[in-house]
Amino acid sequence: MRRVPDDGLTVLQPLFETVFKHPVSLALLHWKYGDRRGESWLAESADGQPTMHCGLYFRDVLLRGRVLRVPQLVDLMAPPKSRGLSRTGSPFALLMRKILAELPRPDNPDGIAFGIPSDRAMRLGEHMGVYRTVDRLMELEFAPMRRRFGPRWRVLSSVSALDAVVLNDLWLKMSGDLSAFALGVRDVGYLQHRYLAHPEKRYTLLLVESYWRRRPIGLAVIGQGDDRRELLDVVSCWDNAPAVIGAAQAWLAENAAKSLSFLLTERFARQLASLAIRCEPTQFRIMANPFSPPSSIAALEGQWWLTGGDTDYR
């Protein structure tokens, strides 16, 4: 088992294409793992062939008022012909135990981690005792809707110095409202890297303003698409979240799109369900490190704010 250095990330490309059936660019791998943003871990056979991969994509996470540097487990990959993955001595089990055992660090003393694996990967991890379910993603669907007196918006293609102040202020209000929960930091630095500096995808960032006072009340991030779009992120105080979603619905109507989906963890999705035309569970659950202290795991159960934008691939 070894950590892949930044200049060796090309080793992941053939494995990624074999497993996920589409190529991955070196630019995207560097965006995710380079410059200490993440770590790429490989288990290899005696002849140097990859037998398992797990990536760590680090996020600053606010947990009950504390900011921790928490790894998100991503790019879980094994060659298609791998056998015995459910054995306690399998490359999957050995690699995951090594990674999880080494997570406690000064900036994350309890070794907290999270991931959003598919149902199959979650069941395998739980069977091996290396994953613990603490939450799940729901999918909300919103219809396009024109509002004569609704919030207005401005599309951000770049972030000026004044925009940066506004976005950080929105994040401070959101983090204040959700200080009792767990959520990834969404300050201007994160927003720029995640959405504006993505090497392959383009997102629409709507800076939403109140109708009457024209004051910024939130940010909505909408993904690429044709008539069906995805709301990737919302940054606002909780009371303004419905208005920000309403602005996204109005933008949808102006752009001839038919629907807007939004992946969100269950507690918050159910509170917004009355605004949606559909709210259903997905196959995606939120995992925790089962080797963290029980009190830390309990603090995460049903307490995450995670959206589709928190994944590394949407």
Protein backbone atom coordinates (compact mmCIF):
# COMPACT_ATOMS: atom_id res chain seq x y z
CA MET A 1 0.00 0.00 0.00
CA ARG A 2 1.38 3.40 -0.96
CA ARG A 3 0.39 7.00 -1.37
CA VAL A 4 0.54 8.19 -4.96
CA PRO A 5 2.58 11.41 -5.36
CA ASP A 6 1.24 14.36 -7.34
CA ASP A 7 3.58 13.60 -10.25
CA GLY A 8 2.42 9.98 -10.37
CA LEU A 9 -1.34 10.46 -10.70
CA THR A 10 -1.28 9.17 -14.28
CA VAL A 11 -1.24 5.66 -12.77
CA LEU A 12 -4.92 6.17 -11.85
CA GLN A 13 -6.12 6.95 -15.37
CA PRO A 14 -6.33 3.41 -16.82
CA LEU A 15 -7.90 2.03 -13.62
CA PHE A 16 -10.46 4.85 -13.52
CA GLU A 17 -11.49 4.28 -17.14
CA THR A 18 -11.77 0.52 -16.60
CA VAL A 19 -13.93 0.89 -13.49
CA PHE A 20 -16.11 3.90 -14.36
CA LYS A 21 -16.20 3.39 -18.17
CA HIS A 22 -15.07 6.90 -19.01
CA PRO A 23 -11.67 8.62 -18.95
CA VAL A 24 -10.44 11.01 -16.29
CA SER A 25 -8.12 13.87 -17.17
CA LEU A 26 -4.90 14.59 -15.36
CA ALA A 27 -6.20 18.14 -14.81
CA LEU A 28 -9.19 16.79 -12.88
CA LEU A 29 -7.01 14.48 -10.77
CA HIS A 30 -4.73 17.39 -9.88
CA TRP A 31 -7.75 19.58 -9.09
CA LYS A 32 -8.83 16.94 -6.60
CA TYR A 33 -5.58 15.62 -5.14
CA GLY A 34 -2.86 18.11 -6.03
CA ASP A 35 -1.23 20.75 -3.85
CA ARG A 36 -2.19 18.88 -0.65
CA ARG A 37 -5.92 19.09 -1.38
CA GLY A 38 -6.12 15.32 -1.21
CA GLU A 39 -4.33 12.01 -0.99
CA SER A 40 -4.48 9.09 -3.41
CA TRP A 41 -3.85 5.62 -1.93
CA LEU A 42 -3.18 2.40 -3.86
CA ALA A 43 -2.93 -1.22 -2.87
CA GLU A 44 -0.82 -3.17 -5.35
CA SER A 45 -0.02 -6.80 -6.06
CA ALA A 46 3.51 -8.20 -5.89
CA ASP A 47 4.03 -7.41 -9.59
CA GLY A 48 2.92 -3.79 -9.14
CA GLN A 49 -0.63 -4.08 -10.49
CA PRO A 50 -3.29 -1.97 -8.73
CA THR A 51 -5.70 -4.05 -6.66
CA MET A 52 -7.55 -1.25 -4.84
CA HIS A 53 -7.68 2.54 -4.74
CA CYS A 54 -9.19 5.01 -2.31
CA GLY A 55 -8.84 8.76 -2.50
CA LEU A 56 -9.10 11.34 0.27
CA TYR A 57 -10.38 14.79 -0.72
CA PHE A 58 -9.92 17.10 2.27
CA ARG A 59 -12.61 19.56 3.30
CA ASP A 60 -12.75 22.13 6.05
CA VAL A 61 -15.83 21.00 7.99
CA LEU A 62 -17.69 22.96 10.63
CA LEU A 63 -18.84 20.58 13.35
CA ARG A 64 -20.65 22.14 16.29
CA GLY A 65 -18.65 25.34 16.06
CA ARG A 66 -15.24 23.70 15.43
CA VAL A 67 -13.49 23.74 12.07
CA LEU A 68 -11.81 20.41 11.28
CA ARG A 69 -9.89 19.20 8.23
CA VAL A 70 -11.94 16.17 7.30
CA PRO A 71 -11.26 13.74 4.46
CA GLN A 72 -14.02 12.76 2.08
CA LEU A 73 -13.51 9.23 0.75
CA VAL A 74 -13.71 9.28 -3.05
CA ASP A 75 -12.71 7.27 -6.13
CA LEU A 76 -13.10 3.86 -4.51
CA MET A 77 -11.89 1.55 -7.29
CA ALA A 78 -11.00 -2.10 -7.78
CA PRO A 79 -10.28 -3.89 -11.08
CA PRO A 80 -13.44 -5.59 -12.44
CA LYS A 81 -12.04 -9.10 -11.98
CA SER A 82 -11.10 -8.58 -8.33
CA ARG A 83 -12.23 -11.42 -6.11
CA GLY A 84 -12.77 -11.83 -2.42
CA LEU A 85 -13.31 -8.14 -1.70
CA SER A 86 -15.51 -9.09 1.27
CA ARG A 87 -12.77 -11.11 2.97
CA THR A 88 -11.18 -9.59 6.06
CA GLY A 89 -7.75 -9.91 4.42
CA SER A 90 -8.80 -8.45 1.07
CA PRO A 91 -7.03 -5.39 -0.44
CA PHE A 92 -10.22 -3.41 0.22
CA ALA A 93 -10.30 -4.24 3.92
CA LEU A 94 -6.57 -3.76 4.44
CA LEU A 95 -6.41 -0.44 2.59
CA MET A 96 -9.48 0.98 4.33
CA ARG A 97 -8.25 -0.02 7.78
CA LYS A 98 -4.87 1.57 7.13
CA ILE A 99 -6.42 4.82 5.88
CA LEU A 100 -8.97 5.05 8.71
CA ALA A 101 -6.41 4.20 11.39
CA GLU A 102 -4.17 7.07 10.29
CA LEU A 103 -6.90 9.73 10.13
CA PRO A 104 -6.59 11.15 13.68
CA ARG A 105 -4.38 14.23 13.33
CA PRO A 106 -4.07 17.51 15.24
CA ASP A 107 -6.56 19.17 12.86
CA ASN A 108 -8.95 16.19 13.17
CA PRO A 109 -8.22 14.47 16.50
CA ASP A 110 -11.16 12.04 16.35
CA GLY A 111 -10.37 10.86 12.83
CA ILE A 112 -13.73 12.00 11.46
CA ALA A 113 -14.36 11.14 7.82
CA PHE A 114 -17.29 11.10 5.46
CA GLY A 115 -18.21 9.75 2.07
CA ILE A 116 -21.22 9.38 -0.20
CA PRO A 117 -20.83 5.85 -1.59
CA SER A 118 -23.27 3.93 -3.74
CA ASP A 119 -25.49 1.37 -2.05
CA ARG A 120 -23.27 -1.51 -3.18
CA ALA A 121 -20.09 0.11 -1.85
CA MET A 122 -21.79 1.04 1.43
CA ARG A 123 -23.03 -2.50 2.00
CA LEU A 124 -19.54 -3.86 1.35
CA GLY A 125 -17.97 -1.35 3.74
CA GLU A 126 -20.50 -2.10 6.48
CA HIS A 127 -20.01 -5.84 6.01
CA MET A 128 -16.26 -5.36 6.48
CA GLY A 129 -16.73 -3.07 9.49
CA VAL A 130 -15.00 -0.10 7.84
CA TYR A 131 -18.07 2.08 7.11
CA ARG A 132 -20.83 3.31 9.38
CA THR A 133 -24.06 4.84 8.03
CA VAL A 134 -25.01 8.14 9.72
CA ASP A 135 -27.26 9.84 7.15
CA ARG A 136 -28.59 9.59 3.61
CA LEU A 137 -29.30 11.79 0.62
CA MET A 138 -32.82 12.60 -0.53
CA GLU A 139 -33.70 13.98 -3.96
CA LEU A 140 -36.01 16.96 -4.23
CA GLU A 141 -37.46 18.06 -7.56
CA PHE A 142 -38.67 21.60 -8.21
CA ALA A 143 -40.67 22.90 -11.15
CA PRO A 144 -39.87 26.11 -13.06
CA MET A 145 -41.92 28.96 -11.68
CA ARG A 146 -42.16 32.61 -12.67
CA ARG A 147 -42.62 35.06 -9.80
CA ARG A 148 -43.62 38.62 -10.60
CA PHE A 149 -42.47 39.94 -7.24
CA GLY A 150 -39.92 37.26 -6.36
CA PRO A 151 -36.21 37.59 -5.60
CA ARG A 152 -33.89 38.87 -8.31
CA TRP A 153 -30.47 37.49 -9.17
CA ARG A 154 -27.19 38.29 -10.82
CA VAL A 155 -25.06 35.64 -12.54
CA LEU A 156 -21.49 35.49 -11.23
CA SER A 157 -18.94 34.48 -13.87
CA SER A 158 -16.10 35.72 -11.67
CA VAL A 159 -15.78 37.05 -8.14
CA SER A 160 -14.85 40.68 -7.55
CA ALA A 161 -13.49 41.95 -4.25
CA LEU A 162 -16.98 43.17 -3.34
CA ASP A 163 -18.53 39.83 -4.36
CA ALA A 164 -16.03 38.05 -2.12
CA VAL A 165 -17.15 40.12 0.86
CA VAL A 166 -20.81 39.34 0.07
CA LEU A 167 -20.21 35.59 -0.36
CA ASN A 168 -18.24 35.36 2.88
CA ASP A 169 -21.02 37.22 4.67
CA LEU A 170 -23.60 34.75 3.30
CA TRP A 171 -21.44 31.88 4.50
CA LEU A 172 -21.10 33.42 7.97
CA LYS A 173 -24.89 33.69 8.24
CA MET A 174 -25.36 30.12 7.06
CA SER A 175 -22.74 28.74 9.41
CA GLY A 176 -24.30 30.66 12.29
CA ASP A 177 -27.72 29.18 11.57
CA LEU A 178 -26.36 25.64 11.21
CA SER A 179 -23.74 25.75 13.96
CA ALA A 180 -25.35 22.78 15.72
CA PHE A 181 -24.83 20.58 12.65
CA ALA A 182 -22.01 19.30 10.41
CA LEU A 183 -21.34 21.00 7.10
CA GLY A 184 -18.47 21.71 4.77
CA VAL A 185 -17.15 25.27 4.82
CA ARG A 186 -18.57 27.27 1.92
CA ASP A 187 -16.50 30.44 2.08
CA VAL A 188 -15.40 32.29 -1.05
CA GLY A 189 -12.17 30.28 -1.33
CA TYR A 190 -14.07 27.01 -1.44
CA LEU A 191 -16.72 28.33 -3.83
CA GLN A 192 -14.11 29.60 -6.26
CA HIS A 193 -12.15 26.35 -6.29
CA ARG A 194 -15.16 24.04 -6.38
CA TYR A 195 -17.25 25.82 -8.99
CA LEU A 196 -15.32 28.54 -10.82
CA ALA A 197 -11.95 26.75 -11.07
CA HIS A 198 -13.28 23.32 -12.05
CA PRO A 199 -11.17 22.15 -15.00
CA GLU A 200 -14.04 20.54 -16.92
CA LYS A 201 -17.49 21.59 -15.74
CA ARG A 202 -19.20 24.95 -15.93
CA TYR A 203 -21.72 26.06 -13.33
CA THR A 204 -24.19 28.93 -13.13
CA LEU A 205 -23.81 30.90 -9.90
CA LEU A 206 -26.81 33.05 -9.03
CA LEU A 207 -26.26 35.75 -6.45
CA VAL A 208 -29.82 36.21 -5.20
CA GLU A 209 -31.16 39.55 -3.96
CA SER A 210 -34.33 40.36 -2.07
CA TYR A 211 -37.03 41.89 -4.25
CA TRP A 212 -37.80 45.04 -2.29
CA ARG A 213 -34.52 45.96 -0.62
CA ARG A 214 -32.16 44.49 -3.26
CA ARG A 215 -29.90 43.05 -0.59
CA PRO A 216 -27.99 39.78 -1.15
CA ILE A 217 -29.78 36.91 0.56
CA GLY A 218 -28.10 33.84 -0.90
CA LEU A 219 -26.21 31.98 -3.58
CA ALA A 220 -27.60 29.19 -5.78
CA VAL A 221 -25.28 27.00 -7.86
CA ILE A 222 -26.84 25.26 -10.86
CA GLY A 223 -25.16 22.54 -12.89
CA GLN A 224 -24.90 22.06 -16.62
CA GLY A 225 -27.71 20.49 -18.61
CA ASP A 226 -30.46 21.05 -21.14
CA ASP A 227 -34.06 20.94 -19.96
CA ARG A 228 -33.23 19.21 -16.67
CA ARG A 229 -30.84 20.91 -14.28
CA GLU A 230 -29.42 20.22 -10.84
CA LEU A 231 -29.20 22.62 -7.95
CA LEU A 232 -25.75 21.81 -6.60
CA ASP A 233 -25.53 24.20 -3.68
CA VAL A 234 -27.33 26.82 -1.64
CA VAL A 235 -25.47 29.28 0.59
CA SER A 236 -27.77 31.40 2.75
CA CYS A 237 -29.24 31.64 6.20
CA TRP A 238 -31.85 28.92 6.69
CA ASP A 239 -34.83 31.29 6.61
CA ASN A 240 -33.81 32.51 3.15
CA ALA A 241 -33.24 29.05 1.63
CA PRO A 242 -36.82 28.87 0.19
CA ALA A 243 -36.39 32.27 -1.49
CA VAL A 244 -33.03 31.23 -2.97
CA ILE A 245 -34.61 28.04 -4.32
CA GLY A 246 -37.47 30.18 -5.65
CA ALA A 247 -34.98 32.33 -7.55
CA ALA A 248 -33.47 29.18 -9.06
CA GLN A 249 -36.97 28.10 -10.15
CA ALA A 250 -37.56 31.49 -11.80
CA TRP A 251 -34.17 31.28 -13.55
CA LEU A 252 -35.23 27.82 -14.74
CA ALA A 253 -38.42 29.25 -16.26
CA GLU A 254 -36.49 31.99 -18.05
CA ASN A 255 -34.09 29.42 -19.51
CA ALA A 256 -36.76 27.01 -20.81
CA ALA A 257 -35.74 24.20 -18.47
CA LYS A 258 -38.32 21.70 -17.22
CA SER A 259 -37.11 20.65 -13.78
CA LEU A 260 -34.55 21.25 -11.07
CA SER A 261 -33.30 18.40 -8.86
CA PHE A 262 -31.56 18.92 -5.53
CA LEU A 263 -29.73 16.27 -3.53
CA LEU A 264 -29.80 17.08 0.18
CA THR A 265 -29.42 15.17 3.43
CA GLU A 266 -32.63 13.88 4.94
CA ARG A 267 -33.27 16.24 7.88
CA PHE A 268 -33.14 19.33 5.70
CA ALA A 269 -34.76 17.77 2.63
CA ARG A 270 -37.87 16.89 4.60
CA GLN A 271 -38.14 20.48 5.83
CA LEU A 272 -38.09 21.73 2.23
CA ALA A 273 -40.31 18.97 0.85
CA SER A 274 -43.46 21.14 0.83
CA LEU A 275 -41.80 23.38 -1.78
CA ALA A 276 -41.00 20.47 -4.10
CA ILE A 277 -43.07 18.40 -6.49
CA ARG A 278 -41.15 15.30 -5.42
CA CYS A 279 -39.03 14.24 -2.44
CA GLU A 280 -37.65 10.71 -2.46
CA PRO A 281 -34.77 8.78 -0.86
CA THR A 282 -31.81 7.88 -3.05
CA GLN A 283 -29.41 4.95 -2.87
CA PHE A 284 -26.69 7.22 -1.46
CA ARG A 285 -25.96 7.08 2.24
CA ILE A 286 -23.45 9.09 4.24
CA MET A 287 -20.64 7.07 5.80
CA ALA A 288 -18.60 7.78 8.90
CA ASN A 289 -15.38 6.31 10.24
CA PRO A 290 -16.51 3.49 12.57
CA PHE A 291 -13.22 3.77 14.48
CA SER A 292 -13.95 7.33 15.60
CA PRO A 293 -15.07 7.72 19.25
CA PRO A 294 -18.75 6.80 19.72
CA SER A 295 -19.54 10.36 20.82
CA SER A 296 -18.17 11.74 17.53
CA ILE A 297 -20.18 9.27 15.48
CA ALA A 298 -23.32 10.13 17.46
CA ALA A 299 -22.74 13.83 16.76
CA LEU A 300 -22.95 13.07 13.02
CA GLU A 301 -26.04 10.87 12.93
CA GLY A 302 -28.72 12.76 11.02
CA GLN A 303 -26.73 15.98 11.45
CA TRP A 304 -25.04 16.55 8.10
CA TRP A 305 -25.84 19.30 5.61
CA LEU A 306 -24.59 17.76 2.37
CA THR A 307 -25.70 18.47 -1.18
CA GLY A 308 -24.87 17.24 -4.66
CA GLY A 309 -22.13 19.86 -4.73
CA ASP A 310 -20.39 18.07 -1.89
CA THR A 311 -19.68 15.14 -4.19
CA ASP A 312 -16.45 15.34 -6.15
CA TYR A 313 -17.91 14.36 -9.51
CA ARG A 314 -21.12 16.33 -10.11
